[in-house]
PDB file of all heavy atoms in Angstrom:
ATOM      1  N   LEU A   1    -111.954  10.204-102.061  1.00  0.00           N
ATOM      2  CA  LEU A   1    -110.679  10.883-102.256  1.00  0.00           C
ATOM      3  C   LEU A   1    -109.504   9.886-102.309  1.00  0.00           C
ATOM      4  O   LEU A   1    -108.603  10.009-103.119  1.00  0.00           O
ATOM      5  CB  LEU A   1    -110.463  11.935-101.173  1.00  0.00           C
ATOM      6  CG  LEU A   1    -109.167  12.777-101.246  1.00  0.00           C
ATOM      7  CD1 LEU A   1    -109.173  13.581-102.597  1.00  0.00           C
ATOM      8  CD2 LEU A   1    -109.092  13.744-100.063  1.00  0.00           C
ATOM      9  N   ILE A   2    -109.559   8.875-101.470  1.00  0.00           N
ATOM     10  CA  ILE A   2    -108.543   7.818-101.516  1.00  0.00           C
ATOM     11  C   ILE A   2    -108.526   7.108-102.870  1.00  0.00           C
ATOM     12  O   ILE A   2    -107.482   6.913-103.490  1.00  0.00           O
ATOM     13  CB  ILE A   2    -108.755   6.826-100.367  1.00  0.00           C
ATOM     14  CG1 ILE A   2    -108.525   7.497 -98.999  1.00  0.00           C
ATOM     15  CG2 ILE A   2    -107.872   5.620-100.509  1.00  0.00           C
ATOM     16  CD1 ILE A   2    -108.931   6.726 -97.817  1.00  0.00           C
ATOM     17  N   HIS A   3    -109.713   6.803-103.427  1.00  0.00           N
ATOM     18  CA  HIS A   3    -109.760   6.161-104.700  1.00  0.00           C
ATOM     19  C   HIS A   3    -109.288   7.057-105.816  1.00  0.00           C
ATOM     20  O   HIS A   3    -108.567   6.607-106.710  1.00  0.00           O
ATOM     21  CB  HIS A   3    -111.186   5.706-104.983  1.00  0.00           C
ATOM     22  CG  HIS A   3    -111.600   4.506-104.277  1.00  0.00           C
ATOM     23  ND1 HIS A   3    -111.047   3.255-104.419  1.00  0.00           N
ATOM     24  CD2 HIS A   3    -112.661   4.307-103.353  1.00  0.00           C
ATOM     25  CE1 HIS A   3    -111.620   2.364-103.628  1.00  0.00           C
ATOM     26  NE2 HIS A   3    -112.573   3.007-102.941  1.00  0.00           N
ATOM     27  N   GLN A   4    -109.610   8.352-105.714  1.00  0.00           N
ATOM     28  CA  GLN A   4    -109.132   9.307-106.734  1.00  0.00           C
ATOM     29  C   GLN A   4    -107.623   9.422-106.716  1.00  0.00           C
ATOM     30  O   GLN A   4    -106.976   9.335-107.785  1.00  0.00           O
ATOM     31  CB  GLN A   4    -109.749  10.687-106.475  1.00  0.00           C
ATOM     32  CG  GLN A   4    -109.347  11.707-107.472  1.00  0.00           C
ATOM     33  CD  GLN A   4    -109.780  13.080-107.064  1.00  0.00           C
ATOM     34  OE1 GLN A   4    -109.840  13.434-105.870  1.00  0.00           O
ATOM     35  NE2 GLN A   4    -110.184  13.923-108.061  1.00  0.00           N
ATOM     36  N   ARG A   5    -107.033   9.525-105.518  1.00  0.00           N
ATOM     37  CA  ARG A   5    -105.615   9.683-105.417  1.00  0.00           C
ATOM     38  C   ARG A   5    -104.963   8.384-105.907  1.00  0.00           C
ATOM     39  O   ARG A   5    -103.846   8.398-106.504  1.00  0.00           O
ATOM     40  CB  ARG A   5    -105.214   9.999-104.024  1.00  0.00           C
ATOM     41  CG  ARG A   5    -105.535  11.434-103.683  1.00  0.00           C
ATOM     42  CD  ARG A   5    -105.165  11.797-102.280  1.00  0.00           C
ATOM     43  NE  ARG A   5    -105.446  13.188-101.992  1.00  0.00           N
ATOM     44  CZ  ARG A   5    -105.279  13.755-100.826  1.00  0.00           C
ATOM     45  NH1 ARG A   5    -104.817  13.011 -99.800  1.00  0.00           N
ATOM     46  NH2 ARG A   5    -105.578  14.986-100.592  1.00  0.00           N
ATOM     47  N   SER A   6    -105.530   7.231-105.548  1.00  0.00           N
ATOM     48  CA  SER A   6    -104.993   5.961-105.988  1.00  0.00           C
ATOM     49  C   SER A   6    -104.940   5.844-107.560  1.00  0.00           C
ATOM     50  O   SER A   6    -103.978   5.377-108.143  1.00  0.00           O
ATOM     51  CB  SER A   6    -105.839   4.781-105.441  1.00  0.00           C
ATOM     52  OG  SER A   6    -105.397   3.563-105.959  1.00  0.00           O
ATOM     53  N   HIS A   7    -105.998   6.367-108.206  1.00  0.00           N
ATOM     54  CA  HIS A   7    -106.061   6.384-109.617  1.00  0.00           C
ATOM     55  C   HIS A   7    -104.939   7.283-110.171  1.00  0.00           C
ATOM     56  O   HIS A   7    -104.276   6.889-111.153  1.00  0.00           O
ATOM     57  CB  HIS A   7    -107.449   6.916-110.108  1.00  0.00           C
ATOM     58  CG  HIS A   7    -107.541   7.118-111.556  1.00  0.00           C
ATOM     59  ND1 HIS A   7    -107.617   6.100-112.453  1.00  0.00           N
ATOM     60  CD2 HIS A   7    -107.522   8.292-112.270  1.00  0.00           C
ATOM     61  CE1 HIS A   7    -107.658   6.583-113.707  1.00  0.00           C
ATOM     62  NE2 HIS A   7    -107.603   7.903-113.610  1.00  0.00           N
ATOM     63  N   PHE A   8    -104.710   8.407-109.628  1.00  0.00           N
ATOM     64  CA  PHE A   8    -103.637   9.271-110.049  1.00  0.00           C
ATOM     65  C   PHE A   8    -102.247   8.637-109.889  1.00  0.00           C
ATOM     66  O   PHE A   8    -101.402   8.737-110.803  1.00  0.00           O
ATOM     67  CB  PHE A   8    -103.620  10.583-109.246  1.00  0.00           C
ATOM     68  CG  PHE A   8    -104.771  11.505-109.598  1.00  0.00           C
ATOM     69  CD1 PHE A   8    -105.243  12.391-108.624  1.00  0.00           C
ATOM     70  CD2 PHE A   8    -105.370  11.521-110.791  1.00  0.00           C
ATOM     71  CE1 PHE A   8    -106.298  13.219-108.921  1.00  0.00           C
ATOM     72  CE2 PHE A   8    -106.444  12.381-111.129  1.00  0.00           C
ATOM     73  CZ  PHE A   8    -106.902  13.225-110.100  1.00  0.00           C
ATOM     74  N   ILE A   9    -102.096   7.918-108.791  1.00  0.00           N
ATOM     75  CA  ILE A   9    -100.820   7.190-108.575  1.00  0.00           C
ATOM     76  C   ILE A   9    -100.606   6.080-109.619  1.00  0.00           C
ATOM     77  O   ILE A   9     -99.590   5.935-110.157  1.00  0.00           O
ATOM     78  CB  ILE A   9    -100.736   6.655-107.153  1.00  0.00           C
ATOM     79  CG1 ILE A   9    -100.632   7.780-106.177  1.00  0.00           C
ATOM     80  CG2 ILE A   9     -99.549   5.673-106.940  1.00  0.00           C
ATOM     81  CD1 ILE A   9    -100.869   7.425-104.699  1.00  0.00           C
ATOM     82  N   ASP A  10    -101.704   5.342-109.888  1.00  0.00           N
ATOM     83  CA  ASP A  10    -101.593   4.325-110.898  1.00  0.00           C
ATOM     84  C   ASP A  10    -101.273   4.912-112.241  1.00  0.00           C
ATOM     85  O   ASP A  10    -100.424   4.378-113.018  1.00  0.00           O
ATOM     86  CB  ASP A  10    -102.943   3.511-111.017  1.00  0.00           C
ATOM     87  CG  ASP A  10    -103.231   2.679-109.852  1.00  0.00           C
ATOM     88  OD1 ASP A  10    -102.244   2.355-109.088  1.00  0.00           O
ATOM     89  OD2 ASP A  10    -104.355   2.268-109.645  1.00  0.00           O
ATOM     90  N   GLU A  11    -101.912   5.984-112.592  1.00  0.00           N
ATOM     91  CA  GLU A  11    -101.653   6.657-113.875  1.00  0.00           C
ATOM     92  C   GLU A  11    -100.190   7.121-113.967  1.00  0.00           C
ATOM     93  O   GLU A  11     -99.535   6.970-114.968  1.00  0.00           O
ATOM     94  CB  GLU A  11    -102.612   7.860-114.061  1.00  0.00           C
ATOM     95  CG  GLU A  11    -102.604   8.464-115.430  1.00  0.00           C
ATOM     96  CD  GLU A  11    -103.695   9.527-115.541  1.00  0.00           C
ATOM     97  OE1 GLU A  11    -104.763   9.353-115.018  1.00  0.00           O
ATOM     98  OE2 GLU A  11    -103.377  10.574-116.139  1.00  0.00           O
ATOM     99  N   ALA A  12     -99.701   7.712-112.881  1.00  0.00           N
ATOM    100  CA  ALA A  12     -98.315   8.187-112.896  1.00  0.00           C
ATOM    101  C   ALA A  12     -97.328   6.975-113.009  1.00  0.00           C
ATOM    102  O   ALA A  12     -96.309   7.085-113.690  1.00  0.00           O
ATOM    103  CB  ALA A  12     -98.008   8.926-111.581  1.00  0.00           C
ATOM    104  N   ALA A  13     -97.630   5.909-112.349  1.00  0.00           N
ATOM    105  CA  ALA A  13     -96.776   4.741-112.463  1.00  0.00           C
ATOM    106  C   ALA A  13     -96.698   4.182-113.834  1.00  0.00           C
ATOM    107  O   ALA A  13     -95.673   3.798-114.329  1.00  0.00           O
ATOM    108  CB  ALA A  13     -97.254   3.655-111.493  1.00  0.00           C
ATOM    109  N   ARG A  14     -97.896   4.148-114.536  1.00  0.00           N
ATOM    110  CA  ARG A  14     -97.901   3.742-115.926  1.00  0.00           C
ATOM    111  C   ARG A  14     -97.061   4.645-116.805  1.00  0.00           C
ATOM    112  O   ARG A  14     -96.348   4.175-117.699  1.00  0.00           O
ATOM    113  CB  ARG A  14     -99.347   3.667-116.443  1.00  0.00           C
ATOM    114  CG  ARG A  14    -100.066   2.435-115.929  1.00  0.00           C
ATOM    115  CD  ARG A  14    -101.409   2.245-116.771  1.00  0.00           C
ATOM    116  NE  ARG A  14    -102.328   3.337-116.620  1.00  0.00           N
ATOM    117  CZ  ARG A  14    -103.182   3.502-115.675  1.00  0.00           C
ATOM    118  NH1 ARG A  14    -103.265   2.620-114.659  1.00  0.00           N
ATOM    119  NH2 ARG A  14    -104.006   4.493-115.609  1.00  0.00           N
ATOM    120  N   MET A  15     -97.126   5.950-116.577  1.00  0.00           N
ATOM    121  CA  MET A  15     -96.345   6.909-117.325  1.00  0.00           C
ATOM    122  C   MET A  15     -94.838   6.644-117.148  1.00  0.00           C
ATOM    123  O   MET A  15     -94.074   6.706-118.055  1.00  0.00           O
ATOM    124  CB  MET A  15     -96.741   8.340-116.953  1.00  0.00           C
ATOM    125  CG  MET A  15     -98.039   8.749-117.494  1.00  0.00           C
ATOM    126  SD  MET A  15     -98.511  10.420-116.998  1.00  0.00           S
ATOM    127  CE  MET A  15     -97.259  11.389-117.745  1.00  0.00           C
ATOM    128  N   LEU A  16     -94.458   6.377-115.915  1.00  0.00           N
ATOM    129  CA  LEU A  16     -93.077   6.135-115.587  1.00  0.00           C
ATOM    130  C   LEU A  16     -92.583   4.815-116.187  1.00  0.00           C
ATOM    131  O   LEU A  16     -91.367   4.656-116.467  1.00  0.00           O
ATOM    132  CB  LEU A  16     -92.829   6.143-114.049  1.00  0.00           C
ATOM    133  CG  LEU A  16     -92.979   7.485-113.370  1.00  0.00           C
ATOM    134  CD1 LEU A  16     -92.803   7.362-111.913  1.00  0.00           C
ATOM    135  CD2 LEU A  16     -91.876   8.422-113.906  1.00  0.00           C
ATOM    136  N   ASP A  17     -93.492   3.848-116.378  1.00  0.00           N
ATOM    137  CA  ASP A  17     -93.093   2.596-117.044  1.00  0.00           C
ATOM    138  C   ASP A  17     -92.697   2.873-118.511  1.00  0.00           C
ATOM    139  O   ASP A  17     -91.836   2.155-119.026  1.00  0.00           O
ATOM    140  CB  ASP A  17     -94.211   1.568-116.970  1.00  0.00           C
ATOM    141  CG  ASP A  17     -94.366   0.957-115.590  1.00  0.00           C
ATOM    142  OD1 ASP A  17     -93.392   1.028-114.801  1.00  0.00           O
ATOM    143  OD2 ASP A  17     -95.433   0.389-115.353  1.00  0.00           O
ATOM    144  N   VAL A  18     -93.348   3.822-119.134  1.00  0.00           N
ATOM    145  CA  VAL A  18     -93.062   4.146-120.539  1.00  0.00           C
ATOM    146  C   VAL A  18     -91.778   4.904-120.619  1.00  0.00           C
ATOM    147  O   VAL A  18     -90.918   4.571-121.429  1.00  0.00           O
ATOM    148  CB  VAL A  18     -94.243   4.970-121.130  1.00  0.00           C
ATOM    149  CG1 VAL A  18     -93.929   5.435-122.542  1.00  0.00           C
ATOM    150  CG2 VAL A  18     -95.512   4.078-121.139  1.00  0.00           C
ATOM    151  N   SER A  19     -91.659   5.941-119.880  1.00  0.00           N
ATOM    152  CA  SER A  19     -90.368   6.751-119.891  1.00  0.00           C
ATOM    153  C   SER A  19     -90.377   7.659-118.702  1.00  0.00           C
ATOM    154  O   SER A  19     -91.369   8.049-118.173  1.00  0.00           O
ATOM    155  CB  SER A  19     -90.248   7.525-121.149  1.00  0.00           C
ATOM    156  OG  SER A  19     -91.199   8.553-121.213  1.00  0.00           O
ATOM    157  N   ALA A  20     -89.180   8.057-118.328  1.00  0.00           N
ATOM    158  CA  ALA A  20     -89.019   8.968-117.201  1.00  0.00           C
ATOM    159  C   ALA A  20     -89.230  10.386-117.648  1.00  0.00           C
ATOM    160  O   ALA A  20     -88.640  10.788-118.714  1.00  0.00           O
ATOM    161  CB  ALA A  20     -87.610   8.870-116.579  1.00  0.00           C
ATOM    162  N   PRO A  21     -90.024  11.177-117.036  1.00  0.00           N
ATOM    163  CA  PRO A  21     -90.266  12.516-117.428  1.00  0.00           C
ATOM    164  C   PRO A  21     -89.041  13.363-117.202  1.00  0.00           C
ATOM    165  O   PRO A  21     -88.335  13.122-116.241  1.00  0.00           O
ATOM    166  CB  PRO A  21     -91.431  13.036-116.579  1.00  0.00           C
ATOM    167  CG  PRO A  21     -91.401  12.128-115.401  1.00  0.00           C
ATOM    168  CD  PRO A  21     -90.863  10.854-115.852  1.00  0.00           C
ATOM    169  N   PRO A  22     -88.733  14.346-118.054  1.00  0.00           N
ATOM    170  CA  PRO A  22     -87.551  15.160-117.875  1.00  0.00           C
ATOM    171  C   PRO A  22     -87.770  16.245-116.818  1.00  0.00           C
ATOM    172  O   PRO A  22     -87.971  17.436-117.107  1.00  0.00           O
ATOM    173  CB  PRO A  22     -87.323  15.766-119.269  1.00  0.00           C
ATOM    174  CG  PRO A  22     -88.745  15.793-119.822  1.00  0.00           C
ATOM    175  CD  PRO A  22     -89.417  14.627-119.237  1.00  0.00           C
ATOM    176  N   LEU A  23     -87.764  15.871-115.593  1.00  0.00           N
ATOM    177  CA  LEU A  23     -88.066  16.801-114.516  1.00  0.00           C
ATOM    178  C   LEU A  23     -87.065  17.924-114.282  1.00  0.00           C
ATOM    179  O   LEU A  23     -87.364  18.895-113.662  1.00  0.00           O
ATOM    180  CB  LEU A  23     -88.265  15.997-113.195  1.00  0.00           C
ATOM    181  CG  LEU A  23     -89.456  15.065-113.181  1.00  0.00           C
ATOM    182  CD1 LEU A  23     -89.458  14.279-111.901  1.00  0.00           C
ATOM    183  CD2 LEU A  23     -90.755  15.776-113.375  1.00  0.00           C
ATOM    184  N   THR A  24     -85.858  17.740-114.838  1.00  0.00           N
ATOM    185  CA  THR A  24     -84.868  18.769-114.698  1.00  0.00           C
ATOM    186  C   THR A  24     -85.326  20.060-115.392  1.00  0.00           C
ATOM    187  O   THR A  24     -84.845  21.135-115.039  1.00  0.00           O
ATOM    188  CB  THR A  24     -83.478  18.335-115.255  1.00  0.00           C
ATOM    189  OG1 THR A  24     -83.691  17.937-116.590  1.00  0.00           O
ATOM    190  CG2 THR A  24     -82.925  17.220-114.434  1.00  0.00           C
ATOM    191  N   SER A  25     -86.245  19.914-116.310  1.00  0.00           N
ATOM    192  CA  SER A  25     -86.750  21.099-117.045  1.00  0.00           C
ATOM    193  C   SER A  25     -87.626  22.013-116.164  1.00  0.00           C
ATOM    194  O   SER A  25     -87.942  23.121-116.590  1.00  0.00           O
ATOM    195  CB  SER A  25     -87.552  20.659-118.226  1.00  0.00           C
ATOM    196  OG  SER A  25     -88.690  19.980-117.848  1.00  0.00           O
ATOM    197  N   LEU A  26     -87.909  21.589-114.957  1.00  0.00           N
ATOM    198  CA  LEU A  26     -88.717  22.508-114.048  1.00  0.00           C
ATOM    199  C   LEU A  26     -87.915  23.618-113.425  1.00  0.00           C
ATOM    200  O   LEU A  26     -88.432  24.546-112.943  1.00  0.00           O
ATOM    201  CB  LEU A  26     -89.283  21.595-112.946  1.00  0.00           C
ATOM    202  CG  LEU A  26     -90.377  20.612-113.317  1.00  0.00           C
ATOM    203  CD1 LEU A  26     -90.768  19.728-112.144  1.00  0.00           C
ATOM    204  CD2 LEU A  26     -91.609  21.316-113.847  1.00  0.00           C
ATOM    205  N   ALA A  27     -86.597  23.494-113.487  1.00  0.00           N
ATOM    206  CA  ALA A  27     -85.703  24.451-112.808  1.00  0.00           C
ATOM    207  C   ALA A  27     -85.969  25.793-113.456  1.00  0.00           C
ATOM    208  O   ALA A  27     -85.904  25.942-114.725  1.00  0.00           O
ATOM    209  CB  ALA A  27     -84.259  24.048-112.961  1.00  0.00           C
ATOM    210  N   GLY A  28     -86.207  26.818-112.684  1.00  0.00           N
ATOM    211  CA  GLY A  28     -86.350  28.155-113.152  1.00  0.00           C
ATOM    212  C   GLY A  28     -87.785  28.542-113.498  1.00  0.00           C
ATOM    213  O   GLY A  28     -88.195  29.705-113.484  1.00  0.00           O
ATOM    214  N   VAL A  29     -88.657  27.542-113.757  1.00  0.00           N
ATOM    215  CA  VAL A  29     -89.985  27.837-114.126  1.00  0.00           C
ATOM    216  C   VAL A  29     -90.777  28.278-112.908  1.00  0.00           C
ATOM    217  O   VAL A  29     -91.575  29.227-112.979  1.00  0.00           O
ATOM    218  CB  VAL A  29     -90.664  26.581-114.748  1.00  0.00           C
ATOM    219  CG1 VAL A  29     -92.183  26.765-114.924  1.00  0.00           C
ATOM    220  CG2 VAL A  29     -90.026  26.204-116.040  1.00  0.00           C
ATOM    221  N   GLU A  30     -90.516  27.703-111.791  1.00  0.00           N
ATOM    222  CA  GLU A  30     -91.218  28.018-110.567  1.00  0.00           C
ATOM    223  C   GLU A  30     -91.105  29.515-110.135  1.00  0.00           C
ATOM    224  O   GLU A  30     -92.056  30.129-109.718  1.00  0.00           O
ATOM    225  CB  GLU A  30     -90.705  27.127-109.420  1.00  0.00           C
ATOM    226  CG  GLU A  30     -91.510  27.198-108.151  1.00  0.00           C
ATOM    227  CD  GLU A  30     -90.992  26.252-107.080  1.00  0.00           C
ATOM    228  OE1 GLU A  30     -89.815  25.886-107.099  1.00  0.00           O
ATOM    229  OE2 GLU A  30     -91.754  25.884-106.227  1.00  0.00           O
ATOM    230  N   GLU A  31     -89.916  30.034-110.289  1.00  0.00           N
ATOM    231  CA  GLU A  31     -89.737  31.420-109.910  1.00  0.00           C
ATOM    232  C   GLU A  31     -90.304  32.388-110.972  1.00  0.00           C
ATOM    233  O   GLU A  31     -90.707  33.518-110.666  1.00  0.00           O
ATOM    234  CB  GLU A  31     -88.253  31.762-109.710  1.00  0.00           C
ATOM    235  CG  GLU A  31     -87.422  31.665-110.978  1.00  0.00           C
ATOM    236  CD  GLU A  31     -85.948  31.841-110.711  1.00  0.00           C
ATOM    237  OE1 GLU A  31     -85.491  31.338-109.720  1.00  0.00           O
ATOM    238  OE2 GLU A  31     -85.305  32.372-111.611  1.00  0.00           O
ATOM    239  N   ALA A  32     -90.395  31.996-112.258  1.00  0.00           N
ATOM    240  CA  ALA A  32     -90.828  32.835-113.305  1.00  0.00           C
ATOM    241  C   ALA A  32     -92.379  32.881-113.467  1.00  0.00           C
ATOM    242  O   ALA A  32     -92.944  33.828-113.882  1.00  0.00           O
ATOM    243  CB  ALA A  32     -90.190  32.433-114.620  1.00  0.00           C
ATOM    244  N   LEU A  33     -93.042  31.812-113.047  1.00  0.00           N
ATOM    245  CA  LEU A  33     -94.468  31.711-113.246  1.00  0.00           C
ATOM    246  C   LEU A  33     -95.253  32.831-112.591  1.00  0.00           C
ATOM    247  O   LEU A  33     -96.167  33.405-113.221  1.00  0.00           O
ATOM    248  CB  LEU A  33     -94.951  30.341-112.762  1.00  0.00           C
ATOM    249  CG  LEU A  33     -96.421  30.020-113.060  1.00  0.00           C
ATOM    250  CD1 LEU A  33     -96.702  30.061-114.519  1.00  0.00           C
ATOM    251  CD2 LEU A  33     -96.765  28.660-112.474  1.00  0.00           C
ATOM    252  N   PRO A  34     -94.942  33.226-111.371  1.00  0.00           N
ATOM    253  CA  PRO A  34     -95.745  34.342-110.790  1.00  0.00           C
ATOM    254  C   PRO A  34     -95.554  35.661-111.573  1.00  0.00           C
ATOM    255  O   PRO A  34     -96.491  36.366-111.635  1.00  0.00           O
ATOM    256  CB  PRO A  34     -95.093  34.480-109.338  1.00  0.00           C
ATOM    257  CG  PRO A  34     -94.538  33.155-109.056  1.00  0.00           C
ATOM    258  CD  PRO A  34     -94.035  32.591-110.374  1.00  0.00           C
ATOM    259  N   LEU A  35     -94.399  35.858-112.186  1.00  0.00           N
ATOM    260  CA  LEU A  35     -94.188  37.074-112.992  1.00  0.00           C
ATOM    261  C   LEU A  35     -95.136  36.996-114.185  1.00  0.00           C
ATOM    262  O   LEU A  35     -95.725  38.052-114.608  1.00  0.00           O
ATOM    263  CB  LEU A  35     -92.782  37.144-113.502  1.00  0.00           C
ATOM    264  CG  LEU A  35     -91.727  37.551-112.429  1.00  0.00           C
ATOM    265  CD1 LEU A  35     -90.312  37.409-113.046  1.00  0.00           C
ATOM    266  CD2 LEU A  35     -91.978  38.978-111.992  1.00  0.00           C
ATOM    267  N   LEU A  36     -95.300  35.878-114.834  1.00  0.00           N
ATOM    268  CA  LEU A  36     -96.231  35.724-115.966  1.00  0.00           C
ATOM    269  C   LEU A  36     -97.621  35.983-115.623  1.00  0.00           C
ATOM    270  O   LEU A  36     -98.371  36.631-116.381  1.00  0.00           O
ATOM    271  CB  LEU A  36     -96.047  34.356-116.589  1.00  0.00           C
ATOM    272  CG  LEU A  36     -94.843  34.110-117.465  1.00  0.00           C
ATOM    273  CD1 LEU A  36     -94.904  32.626-117.975  1.00  0.00           C
ATOM    274  CD2 LEU A  36     -94.792  35.036-118.641  1.00  0.00           C
ATOM    275  N   LEU A  37     -98.009  35.534-114.457  1.00  0.00           N
ATOM    276  CA  LEU A  37     -99.424  35.694-114.000  1.00  0.00           C
ATOM    277  C   LEU A  37     -99.802  37.111-113.808  1.00  0.00           C
ATOM    278  O   LEU A  37    -101.002  37.475-113.909  1.00  0.00           O
ATOM    279  CB  LEU A  37     -99.684  34.864-112.731  1.00  0.00           C
ATOM    280  CG  LEU A  37     -99.537  33.375-112.930  1.00  0.00           C
ATOM    281  CD1 LEU A  37     -99.653  32.636-111.580  1.00  0.00           C
ATOM    282  CD2 LEU A  37    -100.570  32.821-113.906  1.00  0.00           C
TER     283      LEU A  37
END
């Protein structure tokens, strides 16, 4: 599990090196998702 999580962290760090994800787009999605489900 430690190796798996380390791999995920490495992958995320590589993605952040390319560009920053537009995390502000998450606003509002969290409350609407249960309604869709």
